[in-house]
C-alpha atoms as a PDB file:
ATOM      1  CA  MET A   1       5.544   2.039 -17.072  1.00  0.00           C
ATOM      2  CA  ILE A   2       7.314   3.957 -19.994  1.00  0.00           C
ATOM      3  CA  ALA A   3       8.422   6.617 -17.360  1.00  0.00           C
ATOM      4  CA  ILE A   4      10.388   3.446 -15.718  1.00  0.00           C
ATOM      5  CA  PHE A   5      11.823   2.175 -18.902  1.00  0.00           C
ATOM      6  CA  ILE A   6      13.317   5.208 -20.657  1.00  0.00           C
ATOM      7  CA  ALA A   7      13.694   6.808 -17.169  1.00  0.00           C
ATOM      8  CA  MET A   8      12.149   9.678 -17.084  1.00  0.00           C
ATOM      9  CA  PRO A   9      11.689  11.603 -14.356  1.00  0.00           C
ATOM     10  CA  SER A  10       8.445  11.274 -13.022  1.00  0.00           C
ATOM     11  CA  LYS A  11       7.214  10.818  -9.898  1.00  0.00           C
ATOM     12  CA  GLU A  12       6.994   7.217  -9.795  1.00  0.00           C
ATOM     13  CA  PHE A  13      10.433   6.659 -11.139  1.00  0.00           C
ATOM     14  CA  ILE A  14      11.539   8.760  -7.773  1.00  0.00           C
ATOM     15  CA  THR A  15       9.364   6.373  -5.676  1.00  0.00           C
ATOM     16  CA  PHE A  16      11.013   3.250  -7.974  1.00  0.00           C
ATOM     17  CA  ILE A  17      14.704   4.305  -7.040  1.00  0.00           C
ATOM     18  CA  TYR A  18      13.684   5.166  -3.937  1.00  0.00           C
ATOM     19  CA  LEU A  19      12.281   2.547  -2.770  1.00  0.00           C
ATOM     20  CA  ALA A  20      14.857   0.110  -4.492  1.00  0.00           C
ATOM     21  CA  ILE A  21      17.613   0.802  -1.432  1.00  0.00           C
ATOM     22  CA  ILE A  22      15.504  -1.424   1.144  1.00  0.00           C
ATOM     23  CA  PRO A  23      16.208  -4.814  -0.531  1.00  0.00           C
ATOM     24  CA  PHE A  24      19.687  -3.819  -0.124  1.00  0.00           C
ATOM     25  CA  VAL A  25      19.236  -2.760   3.601  1.00  0.00           C
ATOM     26  CA  PHE A  26      17.674  -5.746   4.236  1.00  0.00           C
ATOM     27  CA  HIS A  27      20.681  -8.209   2.795  1.00  0.00           C
ATOM     28  CA  SER A  28      23.567  -5.677   3.927  1.00  0.00           C
ATOM     29  CA  ALA A  29      26.024  -7.535   5.943  1.00  0.00           C
ATOM     30  CA  ARG A  30      27.179  -4.445   7.018  1.00  0.00           C
ATOM     31  CA  ILE A  31      23.917  -2.873   8.886  1.00  0.00           C
ATOM     32  CA  PRO A  32      23.155  -4.990  12.256  1.00  0.00           C
ATOM     33  CA  SER A  33      20.007  -6.910  11.576  1.00  0.00           C
ATOM     34  CA  LYS A  34      18.662  -5.632  14.737  1.00  0.00           C
ATOM     35  CA  TYR A  35      18.536  -1.931  12.826  1.00  0.00           C
ATOM     36  CA  LYS A  36      17.592  -3.435   9.639  1.00  0.00           C
ATOM     37  CA  VAL A  37      13.819  -2.803  10.272  1.00  0.00           C
ATOM     38  CA  VAL A  38      14.154   0.612  11.909  1.00  0.00           C
ATOM     39  CA  ILE A  39      16.440   1.815   9.272  1.00  0.00           C
ATOM     40  CA  THR A  40      13.747   0.740   6.719  1.00  0.00           C
ATOM     41  CA  LEU A  41      10.815   2.502   8.239  1.00  0.00           C
ATOM     42  CA  MET A  42      13.259   5.474   8.471  1.00  0.00           C
ATOM     43  CA  ILE A  43      13.590   5.499   4.908  1.00  0.00           C
ATOM     44  CA  VAL A  44      10.004   5.121   4.102  1.00  0.00           C
ATOM     45  CA  ALA A  45       9.168   7.606   6.472  1.00  0.00           C
ATOM     46  CA  PHE A  46      11.965  10.006   5.283  1.00  0.00           C
ATOM     47  CA  PHE A  47      10.350   9.876   1.842  1.00  0.00           C
ATOM     48  CA  GLY A  48       6.928  11.241   3.237  1.00  0.00           C
ATOM     49  CA  VAL A  49       8.726  14.186   4.803  1.00  0.00           C
ATOM     50  CA  PHE A  50      10.201  15.290   1.802  1.00  0.00           C
ATOM     51  CA  PHE A  51       8.378  14.436  -1.294  1.00  0.00           C
ATOM     52  CA  ARG A  52       5.148  12.282  -0.582  1.00  0.00           C
ATOM     53  CA  SER A  53       3.693  12.989   2.419  1.00  0.00           C
ATOM     54  CA  TYR A  54       0.994  10.068   2.557  1.00  0.00           C
ATOM     55  CA  PHE A  55       4.196   7.736   3.058  1.00  0.00           C
ATOM     56  CA  LEU A  56       3.905   9.573   6.871  1.00  0.00           C
ATOM     57  CA  LEU A  57       1.178   6.584   7.495  1.00  0.00           C
ATOM     58  CA  ILE A  58       2.990   3.730   6.228  1.00  0.00           C
ATOM     59  CA  PRO A  59       5.573   3.186   9.121  1.00  0.00           C
ATOM     60  CA  VAL A  60       2.273   3.965  11.479  1.00  0.00           C
ATOM     61  CA  ILE A  61      -0.014   1.325  10.216  1.00  0.00           C
ATOM     62  CA  ALA A  62       2.761  -1.437   9.426  1.00  0.00           C
ATOM     63  CA  ILE A  63       4.238  -1.045  13.309  1.00  0.00           C
ATOM     64  CA  GLY A  64      -0.031  -1.156  14.415  1.00  0.00           C
ATOM     65  CA  MET A  65      -0.167  -4.161  12.063  1.00  0.00           C
ATOM     66  CA  TYR A  66       2.733  -5.770  13.352  1.00  0.00           C
ATOM     67  CA  PHE A  67       1.843  -5.613  16.910  1.00  0.00           C
ATOM     68  CA  VAL A  68      -1.804  -7.273  15.885  1.00  0.00           C
ATOM     69  CA  THR A  69       0.083 -10.329  14.678  1.00  0.00           C
ATOM     70  CA  LEU A  70       1.675 -11.106  17.978  1.00  0.00           C
ATOM     71  CA  ILE A  71      -1.789 -11.418  19.165  1.00  0.00           C
ATOM     72  CA  ASP A  72      -3.248 -15.165  18.999  1.00  0.00           C
ATOM     73  CA  PHE A  73      -5.856 -14.110  16.336  1.00  0.00           C
ATOM     74  CA  GLN A  74      -7.688 -17.077  14.506  1.00  0.00           C
ATOM     75  CA  ASN A  75      -6.272 -15.519  11.390  1.00  0.00           C
ATOM     76  CA  ARG A  76      -3.993 -13.108  12.475  1.00  0.00           C
ATOM     77  CA  ALA A  77      -3.205 -11.708   8.798  1.00  0.00           C
ATOM     78  CA  LEU A  78      -6.738 -11.248   8.124  1.00  0.00           C
ATOM     79  CA  SER A  79      -7.167  -9.480  11.776  1.00  0.00           C
ATOM     80  CA  SER A  80      -3.572  -7.107  10.831  1.00  0.00           C
ATOM     81  CA  VAL A  81      -5.429  -5.902   7.675  1.00  0.00           C
ATOM     82  CA  PHE A  82      -8.747  -5.351   9.469  1.00  0.00           C
ATOM     83  CA  TYR A  83      -7.219  -3.578  12.530  1.00  0.00           C
ATOM     84  CA  GLY A  84      -4.641  -1.635   9.878  1.00  0.00           C
ATOM     85  CA  LEU A  85      -7.428   0.072   8.374  1.00  0.00           C
ATOM     86  CA  LEU A  86      -9.388   0.692  11.735  1.00  0.00           C
ATOM     87  CA  ILE A  87      -5.852   2.646  12.409  1.00  0.00           C
ATOM     88  CA  ALA A  88      -6.295   4.117   9.136  1.00  0.00           C
ATOM     89  CA  ILE A  89      -9.790   5.236   9.980  1.00  0.00           C
ATOM     90  CA  PHE A  90      -8.654   6.609  13.216  1.00  0.00           C
ATOM     91  CA  ILE A  91      -5.785   8.484  11.771  1.00  0.00           C
ATOM     92  CA  SER A  92      -8.064   9.835   9.047  1.00  0.00           C
ATOM     93  CA  LEU A  93     -11.080  10.820  11.895  1.00  0.00           C
ATOM     94  CA  SER A  94      -7.781  12.456  14.153  1.00  0.00           C
ATOM     95  CA  ALA A  95      -7.041  14.704  11.456  1.00  0.00           C
ATOM     96  CA  GLY A  96     -10.514  16.058  10.619  1.00  0.00           C
ATOM     97  CA  VAL A  97     -11.215  16.998  14.481  1.00  0.00           C
ATOM     98  CA  ILE A  98      -7.927  18.958  13.855  1.00  0.00           C
ATOM     99  CA  LYS A  99      -8.149  20.290  10.694  1.00  0.00           C
ATOM    100  CA  GLY A 100     -12.250  20.014  10.042  1.00  0.00           C
ATOM    101  CA  LYS A 101     -11.644  17.839   6.861  1.00  0.00           C
ATOM    102  CA  TYR A 102     -11.047  14.088   7.004  1.00  0.00           C
ATOM    103  CA  LEU A 103      -8.124  12.621   4.737  1.00  0.00           C
ATOM    104  CA  SER A 104     -10.198  11.002   2.089  1.00  0.00           C
ATOM    105  CA  GLU A 105     -12.071  14.127   1.749  1.00  0.00           C
ATOM    106  CA  SER A 106      -9.674  16.742   1.317  1.00  0.00           C
ATOM    107  CA  SER A 107      -7.598  14.172  -1.242  1.00  0.00           C
ATOM    108  CA  ARG A 108      -9.487  11.735  -3.323  1.00  0.00           C
ATOM    109  CA  ASP A 109     -13.092  13.634  -3.102  1.00  0.00           C
ATOM    110  CA  VAL A 110     -11.426  17.242  -3.943  1.00  0.00           C
ATOM    111  CA  VAL A 111      -9.821  15.935  -6.998  1.00  0.00           C
ATOM    112  CA  ASN A 112     -12.938  13.637  -8.298  1.00  0.00           C
ATOM    113  CA  ARG A 113     -15.279  16.132  -7.636  1.00  0.00           C
ATOM    114  CA  GLY A 114     -14.166  18.278 -10.558  1.00  0.00           C
ATOM    115  CA  ARG A 115     -13.887  15.213 -12.994  1.00  0.00           C
ATOM    116  CA  MET A 116     -17.398  13.481 -12.664  1.00  0.00           C
ATOM    117  CA  ASN A 117     -19.273  11.943 -15.743  1.00  0.00           C
ATOM    118  CA  SER A 118     -15.505  13.186 -17.223  1.00  0.00           C
ATOM    119  CA  LYS A 119     -14.732  10.583 -20.225  1.00  0.00           C
ATOM    120  CA  ASP A 120     -11.055  10.346 -18.575  1.00  0.00           C
ATOM    121  CA  ALA A 121     -12.490   9.662 -15.323  1.00  0.00           C
ATOM    122  CA  ASN A 122     -14.578   6.018 -16.158  1.00  0.00           C
ATOM    123  CA  SER A 123     -12.216   4.273 -13.235  1.00  0.00           C
ATOM    124  CA  ILE A 124     -13.228   6.820 -10.779  1.00  0.00           C
ATOM    125  CA  ILE A 125     -13.548   6.075  -7.175  1.00  0.00           C
ATOM    126  CA  VAL A 126     -16.366   7.870  -5.420  1.00  0.00           C
ATOM    127  CA  SER A 127     -17.633   6.454  -2.281  1.00  0.00           C
ATOM    128  CA  PRO A 128     -21.339   5.423  -1.959  1.00  0.00           C
ATOM    129  CA  ILE A 129     -21.925   7.897   0.733  1.00  0.00           C
ATOM    130  CA  ARG A 130     -21.148  11.479   1.590  1.00  0.00           C
ATOM    131  CA  THR A 131     -17.445  11.708   3.355  1.00  0.00           C
ATOM    132  CA  ASP A 132     -17.994  14.621   5.318  1.00  0.00           C
ATOM    133  CA  THR A 133     -19.039  12.679   8.589  1.00  0.00           C
ATOM    134  CA  TRP A 134     -17.112  10.237  10.437  1.00  0.00           C
ATOM    135  CA  TYR A 135     -19.750   7.325   9.468  1.00  0.00           C
ATOM    136  CA  GLY A 136     -19.243   8.393   5.881  1.00  0.00           C
ATOM    137  CA  GLU A 137     -15.321   8.886   6.447  1.00  0.00           C
ATOM    138  CA  THR A 138     -15.154   5.191   7.646  1.00  0.00           C
ATOM    139  CA  VAL A 139     -17.573   3.337   4.839  1.00  0.00           C
ATOM    140  CA  GLY A 140     -15.189   5.648   2.302  1.00  0.00           C
ATOM    141  CA  ILE A 141     -12.010   4.471   3.668  1.00  0.00           C
ATOM    142  CA  VAL A 142     -13.095   1.106   3.959  1.00  0.00           C
ATOM    143  CA  TYR A 143     -14.907   1.040  -0.095  1.00  0.00           C
ATOM    144  CA  GLY A 144     -11.385   2.955  -1.299  1.00  0.00           C
ATOM    145  CA  PHE A 145      -9.260  -0.076  -0.257  1.00  0.00           C
ATOM    146  CA  PHE A 146     -11.574  -2.770  -1.629  1.00  0.00           C
ATOM    147  CA  ALA A 147     -12.018  -0.396  -4.611  1.00  0.00           C
ATOM    148  CA  VAL A 148      -8.400  -0.533  -5.258  1.00  0.00           C
ATOM    149  CA  ASN A 149      -6.990  -3.964  -3.773  1.00  0.00           C
ATOM    150  CA  ILE A 150     -10.173  -6.023  -4.831  1.00  0.00           C
ATOM    151  CA  PRO A 151     -12.039  -3.796  -7.318  1.00  0.00           C
ATOM    152  CA  LEU A 152     -14.866  -6.387  -8.105  1.00  0.00           C
ATOM    153  CA  GLU A 153     -16.800  -3.538  -8.967  1.00  0.00           C
ATOM    154  CA  GLY A 154     -14.884  -2.612 -11.495  1.00  0.00           C
ATOM    155  CA  PHE A 155     -15.690  -5.352 -14.138  1.00  0.00           C
ATOM    156  CA  LYS A 156     -18.890  -3.563 -14.845  1.00  0.00           C
ATOM    157  CA  HIS A 157     -16.232  -1.467 -17.327  1.00  0.00           C
ATOM    158  CA  ILE A 158     -16.694  -5.071 -19.877  1.00  0.00           C
ATOM    159  CA  PHE A 159     -15.488  -2.495 -22.734  1.00  0.00           C
ATOM    160  CA  SER A 160     -12.942  -1.390 -21.215  1.00  0.00           C
ATOM    161  CA  PRO A 161     -10.132  -4.055 -21.320  1.00  0.00           C
ATOM    162  CA  GLN A 162      -7.187  -1.658 -19.600  1.00  0.00           C
ATOM    163  CA  ILE A 163      -9.466  -1.855 -16.450  1.00  0.00           C
ATOM    164  CA  ILE A 164     -10.068  -4.981 -16.762  1.00  0.00           C
ATOM    165  CA  ALA A 165      -6.351  -6.314 -17.058  1.00  0.00           C
ATOM    166  CA  PHE A 166      -5.652  -4.020 -13.966  1.00  0.00           C
ATOM    167  CA  ILE A 167      -8.349  -5.658 -11.999  1.00  0.00           C
ATOM    168  CA  ILE A 168      -7.146  -9.390 -12.889  1.00  0.00           C
ATOM    169  CA  TRP A 169      -3.582  -8.177 -12.306  1.00  0.00           C
ATOM    170  CA  GLN A 170      -4.493  -6.357  -8.795  1.00  0.00           C
ATOM    171  CA  ILE A 171      -6.661  -9.457  -7.908  1.00  0.00           C
ATOM    172  CA  LEU A 172      -4.188 -11.725  -7.991  1.00  0.00           C
ATOM    173  CA  LEU A 173      -1.833  -9.730  -6.896  1.00  0.00           C
ATOM    174  CA  PHE A 174      -3.074  -9.214  -3.384  1.00  0.00           C
ATOM    175  CA  TYR A 175      -4.316 -12.821  -2.964  1.00  0.00           C
ATOM    176  CA  ILE A 176      -0.200 -13.713  -3.538  1.00  0.00           C
ATOM    177  CA  LEU A 177       0.904 -11.301  -0.879  1.00  0.00           C
ATOM    178  CA  PHE A 178      -1.409 -12.148   1.401  1.00  0.00           C
ATOM    179  CA  VAL A 179      -0.943 -16.041   1.517  1.00  0.00           C
ATOM    180  CA  ARG A 180       2.668 -15.167   1.797  1.00  0.00           C
ATOM    181  CA  PHE A 181       1.718 -12.593   4.663  1.00  0.00           C
ATOM    182  CA  SER A 182      -0.118 -15.524   6.008  1.00  0.00           C
ATOM    183  CA  ARG A 183       2.973 -18.294   5.490  1.00  0.00           C
ATOM    184  CA  CYS A 184       5.946 -15.890   7.026  1.00  0.00           C
ATOM    185  CA  LEU A 185       3.326 -15.257   9.855  1.00  0.00           C
ATOM    186  CA  ILE A 186       4.183 -19.052  10.930  1.00  0.00           C
ATOM    187  CA  ASP A 187       8.165 -18.527  11.238  1.00  0.00           C
ATOM    188  CA  ARG A 188       8.193 -14.916  11.507  1.00  0.00           C
ATOM    189  CA  LYS A 189      11.721 -15.236  12.742  1.00  0.00           C
ATOM    190  CA  LYS A 190      12.823 -17.008   9.360  1.00  0.00           C
ATOM    191  CA  HIS A 191      10.397 -14.489   7.243  1.00  0.00           C
ATOM    192  CA  ARG A 192      11.566 -11.647   9.177  1.00  0.00           C
ATOM    193  CA  TYR A 193      12.482  -9.399   6.041  1.00  0.00           C
ATOM    194  CA  LEU A 194       9.410 -10.612   3.958  1.00  0.00           C
ATOM    195  CA  LEU A 195       6.974 -10.124   6.935  1.00  0.00           C
ATOM    196  CA  TRP A 196       8.088  -6.477   6.920  1.00  0.00           C
ATOM    197  CA  THR A 197       8.165  -6.127   3.387  1.00  0.00           C
ATOM    198  CA  VAL A 198       4.829  -6.972   3.389  1.00  0.00           C
ATOM    199  CA  LEU A 199       3.367  -5.002   5.998  1.00  0.00           C
ATOM    200  CA  ILE A 200       4.822  -2.320   4.277  1.00  0.00           C
ATOM    201  CA  LEU A 201       3.152  -3.217   1.183  1.00  0.00           C
ATOM    202  CA  PHE A 202      -0.375  -4.034   2.932  1.00  0.00           C
ATOM    203  CA  SER A 203       0.204  -0.170   5.084  1.00  0.00           C
ATOM    204  CA  TYR A 204       0.592   1.352   1.250  1.00  0.00           C
ATOM    205  CA  PHE A 205      -2.418  -0.380  -0.261  1.00  0.00           C
ATOM    206  CA  ILE A 206      -4.573   1.053   3.106  1.00  0.00           C
ATOM    207  CA  VAL A 207      -3.297   3.806   2.593  1.00  0.00           C
ATOM    208  CA  GLN A 208      -4.240   3.959  -1.162  1.00  0.00           C
ATOM    209  CA  GLY A 209      -7.653   2.961  -0.470  1.00  0.00           C
ATOM    210  CA  ILE A 210      -7.812   6.536   1.345  1.00  0.00           C
ATOM    211  CA  PHE A 211      -5.699   9.001  -1.482  1.00  0.00           C
ATOM    212  CA  GLU A 212      -6.571   7.368  -4.591  1.00  0.00           C
ATOM    213  CA  PRO A 213      -8.945   8.778  -6.584  1.00  0.00           C
ATOM    214  CA  ASP A 214      -9.157   6.617  -9.638  1.00  0.00           C
ATOM    215  CA  LEU A 215      -8.199   2.646 -10.746  1.00  0.00           C
ATOM    216  CA  GLY A 216      -5.743   4.462 -13.730  1.00  0.00           C
ATOM    217  CA  THR A 217      -3.732   6.466 -10.735  1.00  0.00           C
ATOM    218  CA  ALA A 218      -3.774   3.348  -8.403  1.00  0.00           C
ATOM    219  CA  THR A 219      -1.776   1.447 -11.227  1.00  0.00           C
ATOM    220  CA  ARG A 220       0.693   4.348 -11.762  1.00  0.00           C
ATOM    221  CA  HIS A 221       1.505   4.781  -8.572  1.00  0.00           C
ATOM    222  CA  LYS A 222       1.787   1.034  -7.690  1.00  0.00           C
ATOM    223  CA  ILE A 223       4.346   0.889 -10.109  1.00  0.00           C
ATOM    224  CA  GLY A 224       6.699   2.866  -7.893  1.00  0.00           C
ATOM    225  CA  VAL A 225       6.382   0.675  -5.186  1.00  0.00           C
ATOM    226  CA  PHE A 226       7.400  -2.160  -7.514  1.00  0.00           C
ATOM    227  CA  PRO A 227      10.770  -2.629  -6.009  1.00  0.00           C
ATOM    228  CA  LEU A 228       9.033  -4.172  -2.692  1.00  0.00           C
ATOM    229  CA  ILE A 229       6.337  -5.999  -4.649  1.00  0.00           C
ATOM    230  CA  TYR A 230       9.216  -8.254  -6.912  1.00  0.00           C
ATOM    231  CA  TYR A 231      11.150  -8.635  -3.779  1.00  0.00           C
ATOM    232  CA  ALA A 232       8.165  -9.999  -1.424  1.00  0.00           C
ATOM    233  CA  LEU A 233       6.985 -12.028  -4.766  1.00  0.00           C
ATOM    234  CA  TYR A 234      10.732 -13.740  -4.999  1.00  0.00           C
ATOM    235  CA  TYR A 235      11.898 -13.362  -1.529  1.00  0.00           C
ATOM    236  CA  GLU A 236      13.314 -16.575  -1.138  1.00  0.00           C
ATOM    237  CA  TYR A 237      15.232 -16.486  -4.271  1.00  0.00           C
ATOM    238  CA  PHE A 238      17.050 -13.525  -2.504  1.00  0.00           C
ATOM    239  CA  ARG A 239      17.381 -15.457   0.780  1.00  0.00           C
ATOM    240  CA  LYS A 240      19.036 -18.320  -1.081  1.00  0.00           C
ATOM    241  CA  GLU A 241      21.520 -15.993  -2.810  1.00  0.00           C
ATOM    242  CA  LEU A 242      22.470 -13.996   0.571  1.00  0.00           C
ATOM    243  CA  GLN A 243      23.167 -17.304   2.380  1.00  0.00           C
ATOM    244  CA  GLN A 244      25.642 -18.914  -1.151  1.00  0.00           C
ATOM    245  CA  ASN A 245      27.340 -15.283  -0.677  1.00  0.00           C
ATOM    246  CA  ILE A 246      28.112 -15.932   3.013  1.00  0.00           C
END
């Protein structure tokens, strides 16, 4: 947060500034509506090519989740998150076949291997089983997703107030965004840009479940996507402002 406030050129600061472009794309009167979503996904993919490679997974997962929302499931929001996880698992397993190592095995596990039992890694995310098999990687991705986004297990750190604060904030944030996701599916035409914003955010949350080594790093990286979080939380305000300007 300090890096954002005092404009330090950190990775989170660069991510913050870059992703702040997306709300302006959605509300630009010069860009045709039919191109706005495509441009937004290209912006995210471009960032993945030149800065953080795991951002390349976000458009793929978001598009897959969008098509799931078109299927008449009883709970389309929950189903889309579930299938988003399946897409991430499929991508990781495919990478394992091609490169010989799965995504979380070659990223999160490598970082955490040298930090086990370290004092500065008390919120470390370690899969309950080894991730060097297809079923271990599957469990590791699902476990990582819940550990980062619904980190109930973190309440064991009762004497670490910063971790408890993160847990409460993260659970509330996830719940509010999920409720908004469910509501915008009721009228996807009216909330078209909110839908895609939330799809990008949940895709990012899924990707975090693969790569994030601990809760502290997860919190720091979420600061980078705060423009999208803020836009999703205050979507109605932005929409009304746009209508008044028109």
